[in-house]
């Protein structure tokens, strides 16, 4: 079996390149992976396609949209619920 445990968020984000598609779990603020979102911003990849259940409305669930869009991280999104 492949060991998928990493030592840091930077290691986890290492394979994400500009133009990648990223799947983000959770529904609004419930189960939303805040460390993943922060890690994507810190990692610096741009032009990402974000696939999530929703972009989060209202705040604080709006993390995906409010945190990532201003940084140019997301170029498009696939969101069945706002």
C-alpha atoms as a PDB file:
ATOM      1  CA  UNK A   1       0.000   0.000   0.000  1.00  0.00           C
ATOM      2  CA  UNK A   2       1.192   3.531  -0.787  1.00  0.00           C
ATOM      3  CA  UNK A   3       1.888   5.713   2.242  1.00  0.00           C
ATOM      4  CA  UNK A   4      -0.085   8.923   1.665  1.00  0.00           C
ATOM      5  CA  UNK A   5       0.832  10.614   4.931  1.00  0.00           C
ATOM      6  CA  UNK A   6       2.724  13.880   4.417  1.00  0.00           C
ATOM      7  CA  UNK A   7       4.745  15.925   6.871  1.00  0.00           C
ATOM      8  CA  UNK A   8       3.390  19.363   5.964  1.00  0.00           C
ATOM      9  CA  UNK A   9       0.671  21.189   4.076  1.00  0.00           C
ATOM     10  CA  UNK A  10       3.313  22.250   1.526  1.00  0.00           C
ATOM     11  CA  UNK A  11       4.061  18.565   0.844  1.00  0.00           C
ATOM     12  CA  UNK A  12       0.339  17.879   0.400  1.00  0.00           C
ATOM     13  CA  UNK A  13       0.018  20.762  -2.081  1.00  0.00           C
ATOM     14  CA  UNK A  14       3.204  19.966  -4.034  1.00  0.00           C
ATOM     15  CA  UNK A  15       1.410  18.221  -6.908  1.00  0.00           C
ATOM     16  CA  UNK A  16      -1.117  20.992  -7.523  1.00  0.00           C
ATOM     17  CA  UNK A  17      -0.085  23.037 -10.556  1.00  0.00           C
ATOM     18  CA  UNK A  18      -1.605  26.047 -12.311  1.00  0.00           C
ATOM     19  CA  UNK A  19      -4.753  24.971 -14.139  1.00  0.00           C
ATOM     20  CA  UNK A  20      -5.445  21.942 -11.902  1.00  0.00           C
ATOM     21  CA  UNK A  21      -8.909  20.836 -10.840  1.00  0.00           C
ATOM     22  CA  UNK A  22      -9.393  20.662  -7.059  1.00  0.00           C
ATOM     23  CA  UNK A  23     -12.267  18.906  -5.296  1.00  0.00           C
ATOM     24  CA  UNK A  24     -13.292  20.528  -2.002  1.00  0.00           C
ATOM     25  CA  UNK A  25     -15.574  18.720   0.443  1.00  0.00           C
ATOM     26  CA  UNK A  26     -18.003  19.964   3.050  1.00  0.00           C
ATOM     27  CA  UNK A  27     -21.254  21.843   2.798  1.00  0.00           C
ATOM     28  CA  UNK A  28     -20.986  25.513   3.711  1.00  0.00           C
ATOM     29  CA  UNK A  29     -19.141  25.839   6.986  1.00  0.00           C
ATOM     30  CA  UNK A  30     -19.937  22.254   7.998  1.00  0.00           C
ATOM     31  CA  UNK A  31     -16.931  20.109   7.249  1.00  0.00           C
ATOM     32  CA  UNK A  32     -15.376  22.752   5.040  1.00  0.00           C
ATOM     33  CA  UNK A  33     -11.629  22.017   4.837  1.00  0.00           C
ATOM     34  CA  UNK A  34     -10.241  25.369   6.002  1.00  0.00           C
ATOM     35  CA  UNK A  35      -6.661  24.076   6.087  1.00  0.00           C
ATOM     36  CA  UNK A  36      -6.965  22.915   2.474  1.00  0.00           C
ATOM     37  CA  UNK A  37      -8.269  26.325   1.391  1.00  0.00           C
ATOM     38  CA  UNK A  38      -5.484  28.135   3.278  1.00  0.00           C
ATOM     39  CA  UNK A  39      -2.944  25.674   1.867  1.00  0.00           C
ATOM     40  CA  UNK A  40      -4.080  26.318  -1.709  1.00  0.00           C
ATOM     41  CA  UNK A  41      -3.747  30.076  -1.220  1.00  0.00           C
ATOM     42  CA  UNK A  42      -0.299  29.727   0.363  1.00  0.00           C
ATOM     43  CA  UNK A  43       0.856  27.268  -2.311  1.00  0.00           C
ATOM     44  CA  UNK A  44       0.194  29.864  -4.999  1.00  0.00           C
ATOM     45  CA  UNK A  45      -1.279  27.840  -7.869  1.00  0.00           C
ATOM     46  CA  UNK A  46      -3.616  29.899 -10.045  1.00  0.00           C
ATOM     47  CA  UNK A  47      -6.223  29.221 -12.714  1.00  0.00           C
ATOM     48  CA  UNK A  48      -7.722  26.386 -10.652  1.00  0.00           C
ATOM     49  CA  UNK A  49     -11.095  24.843 -11.341  1.00  0.00           C
ATOM     50  CA  UNK A  50     -12.792  24.382  -7.996  1.00  0.00           C
ATOM     51  CA  UNK A  51     -15.376  21.613  -7.678  1.00  0.00           C
ATOM     52  CA  UNK A  52     -17.365  21.883  -4.454  1.00  0.00           C
ATOM     53  CA  UNK A  53     -20.875  21.355  -3.175  1.00  0.00           C
ATOM     54  CA  UNK A  54     -21.188  25.113  -2.780  1.00  0.00           C
ATOM     55  CA  UNK A  55     -19.054  28.232  -2.587  1.00  0.00           C
ATOM     56  CA  UNK A  56     -20.518  29.069   0.775  1.00  0.00           C
ATOM     57  CA  UNK A  57     -23.133  31.685   1.551  1.00  0.00           C
ATOM     58  CA  UNK A  58     -23.429  33.447   3.895  1.00  0.00           C
ATOM     59  CA  UNK A  59     -20.176  34.078   5.782  1.00  0.00           C
ATOM     60  CA  UNK A  60     -18.343  32.357   7.416  1.00  0.00           C
ATOM     61  CA  UNK A  61     -19.219  29.598   4.971  1.00  0.00           C
ATOM     62  CA  UNK A  62     -18.186  31.822   2.061  1.00  0.00           C
ATOM     63  CA  UNK A  63     -14.542  30.784   2.538  1.00  0.00           C
ATOM     64  CA  UNK A  64     -14.111  29.229  -0.879  1.00  0.00           C
ATOM     65  CA  UNK A  65     -15.335  32.255  -2.754  1.00  0.00           C
ATOM     66  CA  UNK A  66     -14.147  35.037  -0.448  1.00  0.00           C
ATOM     67  CA  UNK A  67     -10.729  33.565   0.331  1.00  0.00           C
ATOM     68  CA  UNK A  68      -9.673  32.169  -3.011  1.00  0.00           C
ATOM     69  CA  UNK A  69     -11.154  34.390  -5.727  1.00  0.00           C
ATOM     70  CA  UNK A  70      -9.339  37.635  -4.747  1.00  0.00           C
ATOM     71  CA  UNK A  71      -5.990  35.815  -4.950  1.00  0.00           C
ATOM     72  CA  UNK A  72      -6.651  34.688  -8.515  1.00  0.00           C
ATOM     73  CA  UNK A  73      -6.589  31.118  -7.296  1.00  0.00           C
ATOM     74  CA  UNK A  74      -9.874  30.109  -8.941  1.00  0.00           C
ATOM     75  CA  UNK A  75     -10.577  30.725 -12.602  1.00  0.00           C
ATOM     76  CA  UNK A  76     -13.747  28.655 -12.742  1.00  0.00           C
ATOM     77  CA  UNK A  77     -15.937  26.654 -10.435  1.00  0.00           C
ATOM     78  CA  UNK A  78     -18.425  23.834 -10.577  1.00  0.00           C
ATOM     79  CA  UNK A  79     -20.950  24.415  -7.808  1.00  0.00           C
ATOM     80  CA  UNK A  80     -24.418  22.869  -7.765  1.00  0.00           C
ATOM     81  CA  UNK A  81     -25.385  25.188  -4.916  1.00  0.00           C
ATOM     82  CA  UNK A  82     -24.244  28.844  -5.073  1.00  0.00           C
END
